[in-house]
Amino acid sequence: MIERERIIEAYFKSWISKNKAMLRETFAPNIVYSESYGPEYHGIDTVENWFDDWNKRGNVLAWEIKQFIHQGDVTAVEWYFKYDYDAEVDEFDGVSWIEFSADNLVVNLKEFQSKLPHYDPYK
């Protein structure tokens, strides 16, 4: 489990440092990656293209892990994400559902988003 946490932490940091080399160390060749707002990428080549395209227009300012939950070959990660994209800063909380292969490569990743700020609609 510690190895998976290290892999996920390094992957999140790769977005902040724009280190594309981490992608092939993290994902299986047949990765399926679903973003929280709908896009889905199939295969490591497509994930690398998305990484390059996104980083031409954006910067990840923070991607902070709150907690990990492990069960079998799946790790769930709760996190906070802040970014600047096309000169607009935004942030949200999220969860990633990450399925690992036997050799600790990510084969399936699904992101879910919770918009900020959180508020009580009854106050």
C-alpha atoms as a PDB file:
ATOM      1  CA  MET A   1       0.000   0.000   0.000  1.00  0.00           C
ATOM      2  CA  ILE A   2       2.862   2.391   0.766  1.00  0.00           C
ATOM      3  CA  GLU A   3       4.227   1.798  -2.755  1.00  0.00           C
ATOM      4  CA  ARG A   4       0.883   2.813  -4.293  1.00  0.00           C
ATOM      5  CA  GLU A   5       0.779   5.945  -2.157  1.00  0.00           C
ATOM      6  CA  ARG A   6       4.288   6.870  -3.322  1.00  0.00           C
ATOM      7  CA  ILE A   7       3.264   6.345  -6.975  1.00  0.00           C
ATOM      8  CA  ILE A   8       0.168   8.544  -6.586  1.00  0.00           C
ATOM      9  CA  GLU A   9       2.075  11.280  -4.730  1.00  0.00           C
ATOM     10  CA  ALA A  10       4.741  11.340  -7.459  1.00  0.00           C
ATOM     11  CA  TYR A  11       2.058  11.493 -10.161  1.00  0.00           C
ATOM     12  CA  PHE A  12       0.291  14.452  -8.517  1.00  0.00           C
ATOM     13  CA  LYS A  13       3.638  16.272  -8.153  1.00  0.00           C
ATOM     14  CA  SER A  14       4.408  15.608 -11.832  1.00  0.00           C
ATOM     15  CA  TRP A  15       1.536  17.939 -12.766  1.00  0.00           C
ATOM     16  CA  ILE A  16       2.954  20.729 -10.609  1.00  0.00           C
ATOM     17  CA  SER A  17       6.465  20.295 -12.056  1.00  0.00           C
ATOM     18  CA  LYS A  18       5.141  19.456 -15.578  1.00  0.00           C
ATOM     19  CA  ASN A  19       7.231  16.260 -15.563  1.00  0.00           C
ATOM     20  CA  LYS A  20       5.763  14.176 -18.397  1.00  0.00           C
ATOM     21  CA  ALA A  21       8.352  11.404 -17.871  1.00  0.00           C
ATOM     22  CA  MET A  22       6.380  10.259 -14.795  1.00  0.00           C
ATOM     23  CA  LEU A  23       3.417   9.216 -16.925  1.00  0.00           C
ATOM     24  CA  ARG A  24       5.028   6.084 -18.366  1.00  0.00           C
ATOM     25  CA  GLU A  25       6.294   5.154 -14.892  1.00  0.00           C
ATOM     26  CA  THR A  26       2.759   5.487 -13.497  1.00  0.00           C
ATOM     27  CA  PHE A  27       0.321   4.192 -16.130  1.00  0.00           C
ATOM     28  CA  ALA A  28      -0.083   0.909 -17.976  1.00  0.00           C
ATOM     29  CA  PRO A  29       0.005   1.184 -21.796  1.00  0.00           C
ATOM     30  CA  ASN A  30      -3.764   0.512 -21.925  1.00  0.00           C
ATOM     31  CA  ILE A  31      -4.728   3.050 -19.204  1.00  0.00           C
ATOM     32  CA  VAL A  32      -8.303   4.357 -19.165  1.00  0.00           C
ATOM     33  CA  TYR A  33      -8.397   7.779 -17.469  1.00  0.00           C
ATOM     34  CA  SER A  34     -11.763   9.489 -16.817  1.00  0.00           C
ATOM     35  CA  GLU A  35     -11.708  13.125 -15.746  1.00  0.00           C
ATOM     36  CA  SER A  36     -14.269  14.465 -13.285  1.00  0.00           C
ATOM     37  CA  TYR A  37     -16.128  16.576 -15.840  1.00  0.00           C
ATOM     38  CA  GLY A  38     -16.459  14.004 -18.638  1.00  0.00           C
ATOM     39  CA  PRO A  39     -13.393  13.542 -20.904  1.00  0.00           C
ATOM     40  CA  GLU A  40     -11.987  10.023 -21.043  1.00  0.00           C
ATOM     41  CA  TYR A  41      -8.540   9.119 -22.378  1.00  0.00           C
ATOM     42  CA  HIS A  42      -7.627   5.655 -23.666  1.00  0.00           C
ATOM     43  CA  GLY A  43      -3.977   4.590 -23.788  1.00  0.00           C
ATOM     44  CA  ILE A  44      -0.729   6.115 -22.568  1.00  0.00           C
ATOM     45  CA  ASP A  45      -0.104   8.009 -25.832  1.00  0.00           C
ATOM     46  CA  THR A  46      -3.434   9.811 -25.490  1.00  0.00           C
ATOM     47  CA  VAL A  47      -2.744  10.601 -21.813  1.00  0.00           C
ATOM     48  CA  GLU A  48       0.616  12.115 -22.815  1.00  0.00           C
ATOM     49  CA  ASN A  49      -1.063  14.240 -25.519  1.00  0.00           C
ATOM     50  CA  TRP A  50      -3.619  15.495 -22.991  1.00  0.00           C
ATOM     51  CA  PHE A  51      -0.837  16.292 -20.480  1.00  0.00           C
ATOM     52  CA  ASP A  52       1.058  18.315 -23.121  1.00  0.00           C
ATOM     53  CA  ASP A  53      -2.055  20.153 -24.347  1.00  0.00           C
ATOM     54  CA  TRP A  54      -3.306  20.982 -20.842  1.00  0.00           C
ATOM     55  CA  ASN A  55       0.080  22.275 -19.695  1.00  0.00           C
ATOM     56  CA  LYS A  56       0.340  24.677 -22.660  1.00  0.00           C
ATOM     57  CA  ARG A  57      -2.623  26.616 -21.247  1.00  0.00           C
ATOM     58  CA  GLY A  58      -2.592  25.732 -17.564  1.00  0.00           C
ATOM     59  CA  ASN A  59      -0.617  25.371 -14.368  1.00  0.00           C
ATOM     60  CA  VAL A  60      -1.414  23.144 -11.419  1.00  0.00           C
ATOM     61  CA  LEU A  61      -0.902  25.314  -8.353  1.00  0.00           C
ATOM     62  CA  ALA A  62      -1.716  22.669  -5.723  1.00  0.00           C
ATOM     63  CA  TRP A  63      -2.762  19.022  -5.677  1.00  0.00           C
ATOM     64  CA  GLU A  64      -2.828  18.022  -2.017  1.00  0.00           C
ATOM     65  CA  ILE A  65      -3.699  14.564  -0.760  1.00  0.00           C
ATOM     66  CA  LYS A  66      -6.056  14.399   2.231  1.00  0.00           C
ATOM     67  CA  GLN A  67      -6.280  10.617   2.652  1.00  0.00           C
ATOM     68  CA  PHE A  68      -5.874   7.209   1.031  1.00  0.00           C
ATOM     69  CA  ILE A  69      -8.195   4.212   1.294  1.00  0.00           C
ATOM     70  CA  HIS A  70      -6.973   0.842   0.007  1.00  0.00           C
ATOM     71  CA  GLN A  71      -9.005  -2.235  -0.858  1.00  0.00           C
ATOM     72  CA  GLY A  72      -7.655  -5.058  -3.001  1.00  0.00           C
ATOM     73  CA  ASP A  73      -6.228  -3.667  -6.226  1.00  0.00           C
ATOM     74  CA  VAL A  74      -8.013  -0.302  -5.786  1.00  0.00           C
ATOM     75  CA  THR A  75      -6.874   2.827  -3.974  1.00  0.00           C
ATOM     76  CA  ALA A  76      -9.206   5.778  -3.399  1.00  0.00           C
ATOM     77  CA  VAL A  77      -7.581   9.162  -2.841  1.00  0.00           C
ATOM     78  CA  GLU A  78      -9.308  12.243  -1.436  1.00  0.00           C
ATOM     79  CA  TRP A  79      -7.607  15.469  -2.543  1.00  0.00           C
ATOM     80  CA  TYR A  80      -7.720  19.250  -3.021  1.00  0.00           C
ATOM     81  CA  PHE A  81      -6.866  20.713  -6.464  1.00  0.00           C
ATOM     82  CA  LYS A  82      -6.101  24.323  -7.420  1.00  0.00           C
ATOM     83  CA  TYR A  83      -5.147  25.435 -10.912  1.00  0.00           C
ATOM     84  CA  ASP A  84      -4.735  28.348 -13.304  1.00  0.00           C
ATOM     85  CA  TYR A  85      -6.115  27.646 -16.792  1.00  0.00           C
ATOM     86  CA  ASP A  86      -6.330  30.326 -19.476  1.00  0.00           C
ATOM     87  CA  ALA A  87      -5.529  32.935 -16.786  1.00  0.00           C
ATOM     88  CA  GLU A  88      -8.454  31.871 -14.561  1.00  0.00           C
ATOM     89  CA  VAL A  89      -7.769  30.362 -11.142  1.00  0.00           C
ATOM     90  CA  ASP A  90     -10.179  27.758  -9.767  1.00  0.00           C
ATOM     91  CA  GLU A  91     -10.171  25.030  -7.127  1.00  0.00           C
ATOM     92  CA  PHE A  92     -12.164  22.010  -6.027  1.00  0.00           C
ATOM     93  CA  ASP A  93     -12.059  18.963  -3.804  1.00  0.00           C
ATOM     94  CA  GLY A  94     -12.000  15.559  -5.419  1.00  0.00           C
ATOM     95  CA  VAL A  95     -11.618  11.820  -5.192  1.00  0.00           C
ATOM     96  CA  SER A  96      -9.754   9.481  -7.528  1.00  0.00           C
ATOM     97  CA  TRP A  97     -10.685   5.810  -7.832  1.00  0.00           C
ATOM     98  CA  ILE A  98      -7.455   4.136  -8.987  1.00  0.00           C
ATOM     99  CA  GLU A  99      -7.133   0.507 -10.068  1.00  0.00           C
ATOM    100  CA  PHE A 100      -3.623  -0.982 -10.113  1.00  0.00           C
ATOM    101  CA  SER A 101      -2.191  -3.933 -12.036  1.00  0.00           C
ATOM    102  CA  ALA A 102      -0.183  -6.659 -10.284  1.00  0.00           C
ATOM    103  CA  ASP A 103       3.021  -4.757 -11.143  1.00  0.00           C
ATOM    104  CA  ASN A 104       1.704  -1.489  -9.600  1.00  0.00           C
ATOM    105  CA  LEU A 105       0.862   0.347 -12.812  1.00  0.00           C
ATOM    106  CA  VAL A 106      -2.403   2.265 -12.981  1.00  0.00           C
ATOM    107  CA  VAL A 107      -4.832   0.605 -15.404  1.00  0.00           C
ATOM    108  CA  ASN A 108      -7.986   2.594 -14.623  1.00  0.00           C
ATOM    109  CA  LEU A 109      -8.424   6.000 -12.985  1.00  0.00           C
ATOM    110  CA  LYS A 110     -11.713   7.811 -12.412  1.00  0.00           C
ATOM    111  CA  GLU A 111     -11.892  11.310 -10.913  1.00  0.00           C
ATOM    112  CA  PHE A 112     -14.869  12.793  -9.083  1.00  0.00           C
ATOM    113  CA  GLN A 113     -15.233  16.484  -8.204  1.00  0.00           C
ATOM    114  CA  SER A 114     -16.858  18.439  -5.379  1.00  0.00           C
ATOM    115  CA  LYS A 115     -17.122  22.150  -6.147  1.00  0.00           C
ATOM    116  CA  LEU A 116     -15.854  24.760  -3.719  1.00  0.00           C
ATOM    117  CA  PRO A 117     -16.781  26.584  -1.622  1.00  0.00           C
ATOM    118  CA  HIS A 118     -18.901  24.156   0.361  1.00  0.00           C
ATOM    119  CA  TYR A 119     -21.861  25.790   2.080  1.00  0.00           C
ATOM    120  CA  ASP A 120     -24.921  25.015   4.126  1.00  0.00           C
ATOM    121  CA  PRO A 121     -27.972  25.931   1.988  1.00  0.00           C
ATOM    122  CA  TYR A 122     -30.150  26.147   5.122  1.00  0.00           C
ATOM    123  CA  LYS A 123     -28.193  28.947   6.781  1.00  0.00           C
END
